[in-house]
Every structure is written in C-alpha cells, then in structure tokens.
C-alpha atoms as a PDB file:
ATOM      1  CA  UNK A   1     -41.143   2.022 -19.296  1.00  0.00           C
ATOM      2  CA  UNK A   2     -40.990  -0.051 -15.914  1.00  0.00           C
ATOM      3  CA  UNK A   3     -38.983   1.418 -13.327  1.00  0.00           C
ATOM      4  CA  UNK A   4     -36.577  -1.744 -12.926  1.00  0.00           C
ATOM      5  CA  UNK A   5     -36.017  -1.580 -16.715  1.00  0.00           C
ATOM      6  CA  UNK A   6     -35.055   1.981 -16.566  1.00  0.00           C
ATOM      7  CA  UNK A   7     -32.815   1.551 -13.685  1.00  0.00           C
ATOM      8  CA  UNK A   8     -30.972  -1.364 -15.425  1.00  0.00           C
ATOM      9  CA  UNK A   9     -30.689   0.823 -18.580  1.00  0.00           C
ATOM     10  CA  UNK A  10     -29.176   3.597 -16.515  1.00  0.00           C
ATOM     11  CA  UNK A  11     -26.584   1.079 -14.883  1.00  0.00           C
ATOM     12  CA  UNK A  12     -25.718  -0.173 -18.224  1.00  0.00           C
ATOM     13  CA  UNK A  13     -25.005   3.322 -19.719  1.00  0.00           C
ATOM     14  CA  UNK A  14     -23.144   4.265 -16.583  1.00  0.00           C
ATOM     15  CA  UNK A  15     -20.977   1.353 -16.757  1.00  0.00           C
ATOM     16  CA  UNK A  16     -20.308   1.879 -20.290  1.00  0.00           C
ATOM     17  CA  UNK A  17     -19.081   5.441 -19.273  1.00  0.00           C
ATOM     18  CA  UNK A  18     -16.705   4.102 -16.886  1.00  0.00           C
ATOM     19  CA  UNK A  19     -15.335   1.713 -19.539  1.00  0.00           C
ATOM     20  CA  UNK A  20     -14.812   4.675 -21.916  1.00  0.00           C
ATOM     21  CA  UNK A  21     -12.987   6.373 -19.011  1.00  0.00           C
ATOM     22  CA  UNK A  22     -10.378   3.555 -18.902  1.00  0.00           C
ATOM     23  CA  UNK A  23     -11.616   2.026 -15.486  1.00  0.00           C
ATOM     24  CA  UNK A  24     -10.406  -1.437 -15.012  1.00  0.00           C
ATOM     25  CA  UNK A  25     -12.722  -4.674 -15.401  1.00  0.00           C
ATOM     26  CA  UNK A  26     -12.272  -5.346 -11.727  1.00  0.00           C
ATOM     27  CA  UNK A  27     -13.413  -1.762 -10.655  1.00  0.00           C
ATOM     28  CA  UNK A  28     -16.467  -1.794 -13.152  1.00  0.00           C
ATOM     29  CA  UNK A  29     -17.514  -5.213 -11.989  1.00  0.00           C
ATOM     30  CA  UNK A  30     -17.344  -4.290  -8.148  1.00  0.00           C
ATOM     31  CA  UNK A  31     -19.390  -1.117  -8.770  1.00  0.00           C
ATOM     32  CA  UNK A  32     -21.961  -3.009 -10.953  1.00  0.00           C
ATOM     33  CA  UNK A  33     -22.297  -5.481  -7.853  1.00  0.00           C
ATOM     34  CA  UNK A  34     -22.636  -2.314  -5.562  1.00  0.00           C
ATOM     35  CA  UNK A  35     -25.357  -0.556  -7.193  1.00  0.00           C
ATOM     36  CA  UNK A  36     -27.225  -3.804  -8.009  1.00  0.00           C
ATOM     37  CA  UNK A  37     -27.001  -4.755  -4.293  1.00  0.00           C
ATOM     38  CA  UNK A  38     -28.701  -1.364  -3.531  1.00  0.00           C
ATOM     39  CA  UNK A  39     -31.412  -1.843  -6.061  1.00  0.00           C
ATOM     40  CA  UNK A  40     -32.138  -5.511  -4.750  1.00  0.00           C
ATOM     41  CA  UNK A  41     -32.192  -4.222  -0.871  1.00  0.00           C
ATOM     42  CA  UNK A  42     -34.385  -1.333  -2.044  1.00  0.00           C
ATOM     43  CA  UNK A  43     -37.115  -3.408  -3.818  1.00  0.00           C
ATOM     44  CA  UNK A  44     -36.978  -6.671  -1.864  1.00  0.00           C
ATOM     45  CA  UNK A  45     -36.089  -5.658   1.941  1.00  0.00           C
ATOM     46  CA  UNK A  46     -38.018  -2.529   2.069  1.00  0.00           C
ATOM     47  CA  UNK A  47     -40.287  -2.898  -0.835  1.00  0.00           C
ATOM     48  CA  UNK A  48     -39.722   0.438  -2.343  1.00  0.00           C
ATOM     49  CA  UNK A  49     -39.805   0.973  -6.295  1.00  0.00           C
ATOM     50  CA  UNK A  50     -36.613   0.991  -7.856  1.00  0.00           C
ATOM     51  CA  UNK A  51     -36.751   4.564  -9.015  1.00  0.00           C
ATOM     52  CA  UNK A  52     -33.698   6.437  -8.761  1.00  0.00           C
ATOM     53  CA  UNK A  53     -34.988   9.681  -8.911  1.00  0.00           C
ATOM     54  CA  UNK A  54     -36.963   8.964  -5.692  1.00  0.00           C
ATOM     55  CA  UNK A  55     -34.251   7.854  -3.429  1.00  0.00           C
ATOM     56  CA  UNK A  56     -33.555   9.996  -0.383  1.00  0.00           C
ATOM     57  CA  UNK A  57     -30.449   9.894   2.047  1.00  0.00           C
ATOM     58  CA  UNK A  58     -32.656   8.030   4.524  1.00  0.00           C
ATOM     59  CA  UNK A  59     -32.602   5.146   2.184  1.00  0.00           C
ATOM     60  CA  UNK A  60     -28.973   5.175   1.567  1.00  0.00           C
ATOM     61  CA  UNK A  61     -28.260   5.405   5.362  1.00  0.00           C
ATOM     62  CA  UNK A  62     -30.790   2.588   6.067  1.00  0.00           C
ATOM     63  CA  UNK A  63     -29.004   0.377   3.421  1.00  0.00           C
ATOM     64  CA  UNK A  64     -25.388   1.142   5.072  1.00  0.00           C
ATOM     65  CA  UNK A  65     -26.975   0.183   8.428  1.00  0.00           C
ATOM     66  CA  UNK A  66     -28.643  -3.099   7.075  1.00  0.00           C
ATOM     67  CA  UNK A  67     -25.206  -4.315   5.662  1.00  0.00           C
ATOM     68  CA  UNK A  68     -23.740  -3.761   9.015  1.00  0.00           C
ATOM     69  CA  UNK A  69     -26.413  -5.183  11.504  1.00  0.00           C
ATOM     70  CA  UNK A  70     -28.165  -7.712   9.218  1.00  0.00           C
ATOM     71  CA  UNK A  71     -26.040  -8.801   6.590  1.00  0.00           C
ATOM     72  CA  UNK A  72     -22.894  -8.538   8.771  1.00  0.00           C
ATOM     73  CA  UNK A  73     -20.789  -7.039   5.746  1.00  0.00           C
ATOM     74  CA  UNK A  74     -17.100  -6.125   6.410  1.00  0.00           C
ATOM     75  CA  UNK A  75     -16.580  -2.480   6.697  1.00  0.00           C
ATOM     76  CA  UNK A  76     -14.333  -2.612   3.492  1.00  0.00           C
ATOM     77  CA  UNK A  77     -17.284  -3.970   1.525  1.00  0.00           C
ATOM     78  CA  UNK A  78     -19.575  -1.391   2.785  1.00  0.00           C
ATOM     79  CA  UNK A  79     -17.261   1.348   1.963  1.00  0.00           C
ATOM     80  CA  UNK A  80     -16.796  -0.090  -1.553  1.00  0.00           C
ATOM     81  CA  UNK A  81     -20.565  -0.327  -2.072  1.00  0.00           C
ATOM     82  CA  UNK A  82     -21.127   3.042  -0.955  1.00  0.00           C
ATOM     83  CA  UNK A  83     -18.320   4.485  -3.411  1.00  0.00           C
ATOM     84  CA  UNK A  84     -19.905   2.507  -6.257  1.00  0.00           C
ATOM     85  CA  UNK A  85     -23.406   4.012  -5.489  1.00  0.00           C
ATOM     86  CA  UNK A  86     -22.001   7.322  -5.017  1.00  0.00           C
ATOM     87  CA  UNK A  87     -20.142   7.184  -8.407  1.00  0.00           C
ATOM     88  CA  UNK A  88     -23.323   6.186 -10.036  1.00  0.00           C
ATOM     89  CA  UNK A  89     -25.450   9.028  -8.523  1.00  0.00           C
ATOM     90  CA  UNK A  90     -22.662  11.612  -9.573  1.00  0.00           C
ATOM     91  CA  UNK A  91     -22.823  10.323 -13.115  1.00  0.00           C
ATOM     92  CA  UNK A  92     -26.659  10.279 -13.046  1.00  0.00           C
ATOM     93  CA  UNK A  93     -26.824  13.799 -11.813  1.00  0.00           C
ATOM     94  CA  UNK A  94     -24.261  15.326 -14.057  1.00  0.00           C
ATOM     95  CA  UNK A  95     -26.184  13.580 -17.150  1.00  0.00           C
ATOM     96  CA  UNK A  96     -29.450  14.872 -15.984  1.00  0.00           C
ATOM     97  CA  UNK A  97     -31.162  11.957 -15.021  1.00  0.00           C
ATOM     98  CA  UNK A  98     -31.720  12.809 -11.316  1.00  0.00           C
ATOM     99  CA  UNK A  99     -31.874  16.243  -9.628  1.00  0.00           C
ATOM    100  CA  UNK A 100     -30.297  15.240  -6.161  1.00  0.00           C
ATOM    101  CA  UNK A 101     -27.528  12.852  -5.117  1.00  0.00           C
ATOM    102  CA  UNK A 102     -28.934  11.054  -1.945  1.00  0.00           C
ATOM    103  CA  UNK A 103     -25.387   9.560  -1.180  1.00  0.00           C
ATOM    104  CA  UNK A 104     -23.902  13.065  -0.521  1.00  0.00           C
ATOM    105  CA  UNK A 105     -23.317  13.492   3.324  1.00  0.00           C
ATOM    106  CA  UNK A 106     -23.293   9.673   3.937  1.00  0.00           C
ATOM    107  CA  UNK A 107     -20.052   8.799   5.552  1.00  0.00           C
ATOM    108  CA  UNK A 108     -17.966   5.782   5.030  1.00  0.00           C
ATOM    109  CA  UNK A 109     -17.006   3.584   7.877  1.00  0.00           C
ATOM    110  CA  UNK A 110     -13.883   3.747   9.583  1.00  0.00           C
ATOM    111  CA  UNK A 111     -11.481   0.912   9.132  1.00  0.00           C
ATOM    112  CA  UNK A 112      -8.995  -0.502  11.349  1.00  0.00           C
ATOM    113  CA  UNK A 113      -5.513   0.810  10.733  1.00  0.00           C
ATOM    114  CA  UNK A 114      -3.671  -1.067   7.947  1.00  0.00           C
ATOM    115  CA  UNK A 115      -0.885  -3.410   9.386  1.00  0.00           C
ATOM    116  CA  UNK A 116       2.539  -3.010   7.873  1.00  0.00           C
ATOM    117  CA  UNK A 117       3.305  -5.630   5.336  1.00  0.00           C
ATOM    118  CA  UNK A 118       6.826  -6.792   6.427  1.00  0.00           C
ATOM    119  CA  UNK A 119       8.564 -10.031   5.089  1.00  0.00           C
ATOM    120  CA  UNK A 120       9.443 -12.611   7.613  1.00  0.00           C
ATOM    121  CA  UNK A 121      12.862 -13.251   8.285  1.00  0.00           C
ATOM    122  CA  UNK A 122      12.712 -16.563   5.959  1.00  0.00           C
ATOM    123  CA  UNK A 123      10.967 -14.685   3.403  1.00  0.00           C
ATOM    124  CA  UNK A 124      13.830 -11.893   3.433  1.00  0.00           C
ATOM    125  CA  UNK A 125      16.482 -14.438   3.308  1.00  0.00           C
ATOM    126  CA  UNK A 126      15.044 -16.269   0.288  1.00  0.00           C
ATOM    127  CA  UNK A 127      14.651 -12.989  -1.576  1.00  0.00           C
ATOM    128  CA  UNK A 128      18.289 -11.940  -0.779  1.00  0.00           C
ATOM    129  CA  UNK A 129      19.462 -15.343  -1.897  1.00  0.00           C
ATOM    130  CA  UNK A 130      17.680 -15.025  -5.120  1.00  0.00           C
ATOM    131  CA  UNK A 131      18.983 -11.279  -5.683  1.00  0.00           C
ATOM    132  CA  UNK A 132      22.411 -12.542  -5.161  1.00  0.00           C
ATOM    133  CA  UNK A 133      21.883 -15.036  -7.889  1.00  0.00           C
ATOM    134  CA  UNK A 134      20.333 -12.739 -10.185  1.00  0.00           C
ATOM    135  CA  UNK A 135      23.600 -10.448 -10.104  1.00  0.00           C
ATOM    136  CA  UNK A 136      25.616  -7.821  -8.388  1.00  0.00           C
ATOM    137  CA  UNK A 137      23.320  -5.101  -9.082  1.00  0.00           C
ATOM    138  CA  UNK A 138      20.122  -6.641  -7.977  1.00  0.00           C
ATOM    139  CA  UNK A 139      21.733  -7.850  -4.739  1.00  0.00           C
ATOM    140  CA  UNK A 140      22.755  -4.411  -3.803  1.00  0.00           C
ATOM    141  CA  UNK A 141      19.470  -2.866  -4.603  1.00  0.00           C
ATOM    142  CA  UNK A 142      17.623  -5.485  -2.542  1.00  0.00           C
ATOM    143  CA  UNK A 143      20.219  -5.163   0.400  1.00  0.00           C
ATOM    144  CA  UNK A 144      20.001  -1.318   0.082  1.00  0.00           C
ATOM    145  CA  UNK A 145      16.105  -1.186   0.184  1.00  0.00           C
ATOM    146  CA  UNK A 146      15.883  -3.722   3.311  1.00  0.00           C
ATOM    147  CA  UNK A 147      18.846  -2.428   5.061  1.00  0.00           C
ATOM    148  CA  UNK A 148      18.319   1.185   5.026  1.00  0.00           C
ATOM    149  CA  UNK A 149      14.454   1.759   4.692  1.00  0.00           C
ATOM    150  CA  UNK A 150      15.177   4.229   1.754  1.00  0.00           C
ATOM    151  CA  UNK A 151      11.950   5.323  -0.348  1.00  0.00           C
ATOM    152  CA  UNK A 152      12.053   4.083  -3.893  1.00  0.00           C
ATOM    153  CA  UNK A 153      12.362   7.824  -4.918  1.00  0.00           C
ATOM    154  CA  UNK A 154      15.174   8.309  -2.572  1.00  0.00           C
ATOM    155  CA  UNK A 155      17.073   5.176  -3.823  1.00  0.00           C
ATOM    156  CA  UNK A 156      16.870   6.226  -7.648  1.00  0.00           C
ATOM    157  CA  UNK A 157      18.048   9.622  -6.713  1.00  0.00           C
ATOM    158  CA  UNK A 158      21.547   8.527  -5.374  1.00  0.00           C
ATOM    159  CA  UNK A 159      24.698   9.229  -6.977  1.00  0.00           C
ATOM    160  CA  UNK A 160      27.873   7.252  -6.351  1.00  0.00           C
ATOM    161  CA  UNK A 161      29.260  10.031  -4.309  1.00  0.00           C
ATOM    162  CA  UNK A 162      26.070   9.596  -1.952  1.00  0.00           C
ATOM    163  CA  UNK A 163      27.720   6.270  -0.988  1.00  0.00           C
ATOM    164  CA  UNK A 164      30.548   6.188   1.474  1.00  0.00           C
ATOM    165  CA  UNK A 165      32.120   2.983   2.382  1.00  0.00           C
ATOM    166  CA  UNK A 166      34.935   2.296   4.689  1.00  0.00           C
ATOM    167  CA  UNK A 167      36.553  -0.752   6.164  1.00  0.00           C
ATOM    168  CA  UNK A 168      34.272  -0.898   9.009  1.00  0.00           C
ATOM    169  CA  UNK A 169      31.705   1.646   8.643  1.00  0.00           C
ATOM    170  CA  UNK A 170      29.706   3.263   5.753  1.00  0.00           C
ATOM    171  CA  UNK A 171      26.623   5.473   5.093  1.00  0.00           C
ATOM    172  CA  UNK A 172      24.432   6.749   2.256  1.00  0.00           C
ATOM    173  CA  UNK A 173      23.373  10.239   2.139  1.00  0.00           C
ATOM    174  CA  UNK A 174      19.805  11.121   1.116  1.00  0.00           C
ATOM    175  CA  UNK A 175      19.956  14.803  -0.168  1.00  0.00           C
ATOM    176  CA  UNK A 176      16.466  15.430  -1.202  1.00  0.00           C
ATOM    177  CA  UNK A 177      14.213  13.142   0.736  1.00  0.00           C
ATOM    178  CA  UNK A 178      10.341  13.638   1.290  1.00  0.00           C
ATOM    179  CA  UNK A 179       9.688  17.511   1.981  1.00  0.00           C
ATOM    180  CA  UNK A 180      13.314  18.151   0.683  1.00  0.00           C
ATOM    181  CA  UNK A 181      14.740  16.524   3.883  1.00  0.00           C
ATOM    182  CA  UNK A 182      18.443  15.550   4.161  1.00  0.00           C
ATOM    183  CA  UNK A 183      19.581  12.750   6.202  1.00  0.00           C
ATOM    184  CA  UNK A 184      22.461  10.197   6.517  1.00  0.00           C
ATOM    185  CA  UNK A 185      21.707   6.416   7.121  1.00  0.00           C
ATOM    186  CA  UNK A 186      24.506   4.001   8.211  1.00  0.00           C
ATOM    187  CA  UNK A 187      25.017   1.000   6.069  1.00  0.00           C
ATOM    188  CA  UNK A 188      25.544  -2.463   7.743  1.00  0.00           C
ATOM    189  CA  UNK A 189      28.360  -4.740   6.780  1.00  0.00           C
ATOM    190  CA  UNK A 190      26.110  -6.704   4.397  1.00  0.00           C
ATOM    191  CA  UNK A 191      24.785  -3.463   2.640  1.00  0.00           C
ATOM    192  CA  UNK A 192      28.365  -2.422   2.348  1.00  0.00           C
ATOM    193  CA  UNK A 193      29.583  -5.590   0.825  1.00  0.00           C
ATOM    194  CA  UNK A 194      26.868  -5.832  -1.612  1.00  0.00           C
ATOM    195  CA  UNK A 195      27.611  -2.303  -2.524  1.00  0.00           C
ATOM    196  CA  UNK A 196      31.213  -2.964  -2.951  1.00  0.00           C
ATOM    197  CA  UNK A 197      30.421  -6.040  -5.334  1.00  0.00           C
ATOM    198  CA  UNK A 198      28.205  -3.883  -7.241  1.00  0.00           C
ATOM    199  CA  UNK A 199      30.475  -0.807  -7.603  1.00  0.00           C
ATOM    200  CA  UNK A 200      33.241  -3.053  -8.864  1.00  0.00           C
ATOM    201  CA  UNK A 201      30.879  -3.574 -12.141  1.00  0.00           C
ATOM    202  CA  UNK A 202      29.668   0.031 -12.033  1.00  0.00           C
ATOM    203  CA  UNK A 203      30.403   2.024 -15.596  1.00  0.00           C
ATOM    204  CA  UNK A 204      31.382   5.066 -13.556  1.00  0.00           C
ATOM    205  CA  UNK A 205      32.618   4.121 -10.021  1.00  0.00           C
ATOM    206  CA  UNK A 206      35.065   7.050  -9.769  1.00  0.00           C
ATOM    207  CA  UNK A 207      32.494   9.776 -10.869  1.00  0.00           C
ATOM    208  CA  UNK A 208      30.775  11.005  -7.850  1.00  0.00           C
ATOM    209  CA  UNK A 209      28.166  12.523  -9.783  1.00  0.00           C
ATOM    210  CA  UNK A 210      27.246   9.413 -11.819  1.00  0.00           C
ATOM    211  CA  UNK A 211      23.867   7.954 -10.963  1.00  0.00           C
ATOM    212  CA  UNK A 212      24.208   4.918  -8.754  1.00  0.00           C
ATOM    213  CA  UNK A 213      21.912   2.574 -10.243  1.00  0.00           C
ATOM    214  CA  UNK A 214      22.211   1.252 -13.766  1.00  0.00           C
ATOM    215  CA  UNK A 215      20.460  -1.018 -16.068  1.00  0.00           C
ATOM    216  CA  UNK A 216      21.309  -2.431 -19.688  1.00  0.00           C
ATOM    217  CA  UNK A 217      20.205   0.623 -21.384  1.00  0.00           C
ATOM    218  CA  UNK A 218      21.653   3.188 -18.834  1.00  0.00           C
ATOM    219  CA  UNK A 219      20.756   4.781 -15.667  1.00  0.00           C
ATOM    220  CA  UNK A 220      17.566   3.465 -13.929  1.00  0.00           C
ATOM    221  CA  UNK A 221      15.282   6.341 -13.340  1.00  0.00           C
ATOM    222  CA  UNK A 222      11.760   4.984 -13.229  1.00  0.00           C
ATOM    223  CA  UNK A 223      10.145   3.366 -10.219  1.00  0.00           C
ATOM    224  CA  UNK A 224       8.790   0.692 -12.823  1.00  0.00           C
ATOM    225  CA  UNK A 225      12.348  -0.476 -13.087  1.00  0.00           C
ATOM    226  CA  UNK A 226      12.688  -1.123  -9.584  1.00  0.00           C
ATOM    227  CA  UNK A 227       9.342  -2.971  -9.371  1.00  0.00           C
ATOM    228  CA  UNK A 228      10.135  -5.227 -12.206  1.00  0.00           C
ATOM    229  CA  UNK A 229      13.330  -6.355 -10.736  1.00  0.00           C
ATOM    230  CA  UNK A 230      11.602  -7.058  -7.394  1.00  0.00           C
ATOM    231  CA  UNK A 231       8.828  -8.877  -9.053  1.00  0.00           C
ATOM    232  CA  UNK A 232      11.412 -11.074 -10.996  1.00  0.00           C
ATOM    233  CA  UNK A 233      13.478 -11.727  -7.951  1.00  0.00           C
ATOM    234  CA  UNK A 234      10.389 -12.473  -5.733  1.00  0.00           C
ATOM    235  CA  UNK A 235       8.869 -14.882  -8.509  1.00  0.00           C
ATOM    236  CA  UNK A 236      12.119 -16.796  -8.201  1.00  0.00           C
ATOM    237  CA  UNK A 237      11.862 -16.890  -4.389  1.00  0.00           C
ATOM    238  CA  UNK A 238       8.223 -17.808  -4.445  1.00  0.00           C
ATOM    239  CA  UNK A 239       7.180 -14.591  -2.406  1.00  0.00           C
ATOM    240  CA  UNK A 240       4.206 -12.511  -3.313  1.00  0.00           C
ATOM    241  CA  UNK A 241       3.432  -8.841  -2.965  1.00  0.00           C
ATOM    242  CA  UNK A 242       7.267  -7.610  -2.553  1.00  0.00           C
ATOM    243  CA  UNK A 243       7.596  -3.822  -3.217  1.00  0.00           C
ATOM    244  CA  UNK A 244      10.039  -0.952  -2.016  1.00  0.00           C
ATOM    245  CA  UNK A 245       7.476  -0.051   0.392  1.00  0.00           C
ATOM    246  CA  UNK A 246       7.352  -3.777   1.785  1.00  0.00           C
ATOM    247  CA  UNK A 247      11.044  -3.735   2.243  1.00  0.00           C
ATOM    248  CA  UNK A 248      10.912  -0.320   4.008  1.00  0.00           C
ATOM    249  CA  UNK A 249       8.210  -1.798   6.259  1.00  0.00           C
ATOM    250  CA  UNK A 250      10.488  -4.825   6.694  1.00  0.00           C
ATOM    251  CA  UNK A 251      13.759  -2.587   7.689  1.00  0.00           C
ATOM    252  CA  UNK A 252      11.520  -0.688  10.397  1.00  0.00           C
ATOM    253  CA  UNK A 253      10.160  -3.691  11.628  1.00  0.00           C
ATOM    254  CA  UNK A 254      13.553  -5.439  12.089  1.00  0.00           C
ATOM    255  CA  UNK A 255      14.841  -2.277  13.508  1.00  0.00           C
ATOM    256  CA  UNK A 256      12.298  -2.228  16.371  1.00  0.00           C
ATOM    257  CA  UNK A 257      12.560  -5.884  16.950  1.00  0.00           C
ATOM    258  CA  UNK A 258      16.387  -5.260  17.859  1.00  0.00           C
ATOM    259  CA  UNK A 259      15.858  -1.822  19.398  1.00  0.00           C
ATOM    260  CA  UNK A 260      12.447  -1.892  21.290  1.00  0.00           C
ATOM    261  CA  UNK A 261      10.781   1.549  21.815  1.00  0.00           C
ATOM    262  CA  UNK A 262      13.391   3.427  19.884  1.00  0.00           C
ATOM    263  CA  UNK A 263      10.937   5.427  17.732  1.00  0.00           C
ATOM    264  CA  UNK A 264      12.969   8.422  17.896  1.00  0.00           C
ATOM    265  CA  UNK A 265      16.014   6.606  16.000  1.00  0.00           C
ATOM    266  CA  UNK A 266      13.748   4.960  13.526  1.00  0.00           C
ATOM    267  CA  UNK A 267      11.979   8.339  12.705  1.00  0.00           C
ATOM    268  CA  UNK A 268      15.383   9.679  11.995  1.00  0.00           C
ATOM    269  CA  UNK A 269      16.456   6.690   9.800  1.00  0.00           C
ATOM    270  CA  UNK A 270      13.286   6.716   7.858  1.00  0.00           C
ATOM    271  CA  UNK A 271      13.233  10.575   7.357  1.00  0.00           C
ATOM    272  CA  UNK A 272      10.007  11.404   9.311  1.00  0.00           C
ATOM    273  CA  UNK A 273       9.851  14.513  11.245  1.00  0.00           C
ATOM    274  CA  UNK A 274       7.158  13.339  13.559  1.00  0.00           C
ATOM    275  CA  UNK A 275       7.377  10.188  15.992  1.00  0.00           C
ATOM    276  CA  UNK A 276       3.515   9.554  15.541  1.00  0.00           C
ATOM    277  CA  UNK A 277       4.262   8.700  11.856  1.00  0.00           C
ATOM    278  CA  UNK A 278       6.326   5.585  12.835  1.00  0.00           C
ATOM    279  CA  UNK A 279       3.801   4.607  15.756  1.00  0.00           C
ATOM    280  CA  UNK A 280       2.323   2.208  13.174  1.00  0.00           C
ATOM    281  CA  UNK A 281       5.325  -0.225  13.402  1.00  0.00           C
ATOM    282  CA  UNK A 282       4.364  -0.642  17.195  1.00  0.00           C
ATOM    283  CA  UNK A 283       0.882  -1.795  16.366  1.00  0.00           C
ATOM    284  CA  UNK A 284       0.436  -5.458  17.251  1.00  0.00           C
ATOM    285  CA  UNK A 285      -1.153  -7.791  14.954  1.00  0.00           C
ATOM    286  CA  UNK A 286      -3.906 -10.386  15.784  1.00  0.00           C
ATOM    287  CA  UNK A 287      -1.567 -12.991  16.455  1.00  0.00           C
ATOM    288  CA  UNK A 288       0.327 -10.826  19.088  1.00  0.00           C
ATOM    289  CA  UNK A 289      -3.038  -9.689  20.623  1.00  0.00           C
ATOM    290  CA  UNK A 290      -4.030 -13.290  21.077  1.00  0.00           C
ATOM    291  CA  UNK A 291      -0.608 -14.251  22.650  1.00  0.00           C
ATOM    292  CA  UNK A 292      -1.080 -11.213  25.002  1.00  0.00           C
ATOM    293  CA  UNK A 293      -4.575 -12.101  26.002  1.00  0.00           C
ATOM    294  CA  UNK A 294      -3.538 -15.735  26.689  1.00  0.00           C
ATOM    295  CA  UNK A 295      -0.690 -14.560  28.919  1.00  0.00           C
ATOM    296  CA  UNK A 296      -3.148 -12.212  30.786  1.00  0.00           C
ATOM    297  CA  UNK A 297      -5.348 -15.311  31.614  1.00  0.00           C
ATOM    298  CA  UNK A 298      -2.589 -17.392  32.592  1.00  0.00           C
ATOM    299  CA  UNK A 299      -1.226 -14.647  35.000  1.00  0.00           C
ATOM    300  CA  UNK A 300      -4.673 -13.211  35.890  1.00  0.00           C
ATOM    301  CA  UNK A 301      -5.655 -16.046  38.589  1.00  0.00           C
ATOM    302  CA  UNK A 302      -5.486 -13.298  41.283  1.00  0.00           C
ATOM    303  CA  UNK A 303      -8.723 -11.675  39.883  1.00  0.00           C
END
C-alpha cells in the first residue's frame, strides 16, 4: 500500500477514535488540519515520503520553524498544530503503528500574556440595565459580581447572614474562598440597594443560614445557573462573552482605574495572597501602548 494512502487511513482511524472519545467537531477538524498540514509540508516542502514511522524529531522541529519563519503562522496556530500532531503520534504509538513519538520534547511557543477581558463602561451599564429589567435577583447578582469581584463559587456559597447592609455601609463575608481563604469585601451603595431589593423578595430573609441565591426551583447551587442567567441578560443587552470571570476582571480594572497602583488593596479584595497575581490588571493593551509611543514621539524632540 502506498505510504500516502497508509497515512490517510491512519488519520481517519485516529479521528474516528477522537469522535468515540467524545471530542467536539471543532477539535476534530482542527486536529485533522494540523496533521494534514504536516503531511503536506513533509511531502511538498522537503520532499520526504509520508511514512509516519520514519519521522524523526528534527522533522518536527523544522516544520515548527518553517511555520514561524516562512509561513508566518501565529504562535497559537503553531501550538495548535503541534498539539494535533502530538495527539496523533500518541495514539499511533499506543496502537502499535509506530515505535517512537517524534513530537516528544518539542516545546510549544510562548504566547503573550492574555489580556483581561473587562467590559467597557458602556457595556457594563447596558448589562446592568437589562439585569434590572429581568428582576430583582438578576440585578442583585450582576451588581454583586461586578461590584465585588467575587468568584462564581464564592458567590454561590453565600448565605443570607454573610451579607451585612447598613444605612451607609455594608459588606459581604467570604468564609471559604480559594485555598480556604476568609475575607470581607465592602459593598458600594449600588450593590447594597440591589441586594435590599432582592432580599425583600427572598423566601427566607430572616434565616442567616439560608442560601442567598434562589431560583424558581430552589437555591442556586451550580455554576451553570449563573452562566445561563448572564447569557440571557447579555443577549438582551447585545453583549458577547459575559461570564462571572469577565465581571471579576471588570471589577479589578475599574478599581485600578479609580485607585492607580493600589495592587495591595486589589489583592485583598480579590482574595489573592500574592501581589504578582494581580499584576495582570496593570498590563497595557495594544491601544495603550500605541498611545504611549505617540506621546514619547511628541515629547522626544530633544533626542
């Protein structure tokens, strides 16, 4: 059987195995493109036969370098292709089709730090408006996430007694945060008012041990409940990719905008033990960097 026919048969068998494992269509299609990209490069660019058993680590390293230098592929694309080829060889070796895995030891490319996905002020306002129109619970839930930066797990673990609301102040107590951390987060006026409106409708507002968040079928206990609520509200506000994590980023970004350089205060509010964890919120995006370079040029005539 010709080598190119054999490798296509192996790719088909491997993809069938991925489908049996429950991999998504998107993942399977991406992995197919990755391996076929390598096969094409191997046959057309360096003129080597498509024999999976004869591939050596040098071939994989040269393929990786060719994507960077010649094809100008994005680092994420190169890494995805490497992951696909690695998955193929892991399966082929386990199935006895090859003796060695030439992808072992081939490192992926280092990606730039992912910028926090914070909502703009306009998007946050639209989201809050739609949340308020949806009902007292949804409004309080979004105000709490955006106004305290709580993780979704911390939010769902709250009990009625964890919320303290006074005339001019208030706080929420996180009793078991990440790594069993305990912290208290002040509540702004907007968050307090939203919570007061929700607690007026709460089924057990006088029971400090009652779960804080309720739905039509009882207490909310799963992240999916919060995700569905946010998706529904964001859809009405015509905003994409709104999640509890995005609202946590939004809270952190807004805090530093109002309190530049206060990483220690932000770390305490977010429940981070180390300051370097919150450094990501100080990373400028490309628009910020472009503005800074322009200011440098305008003020750099002395050079």
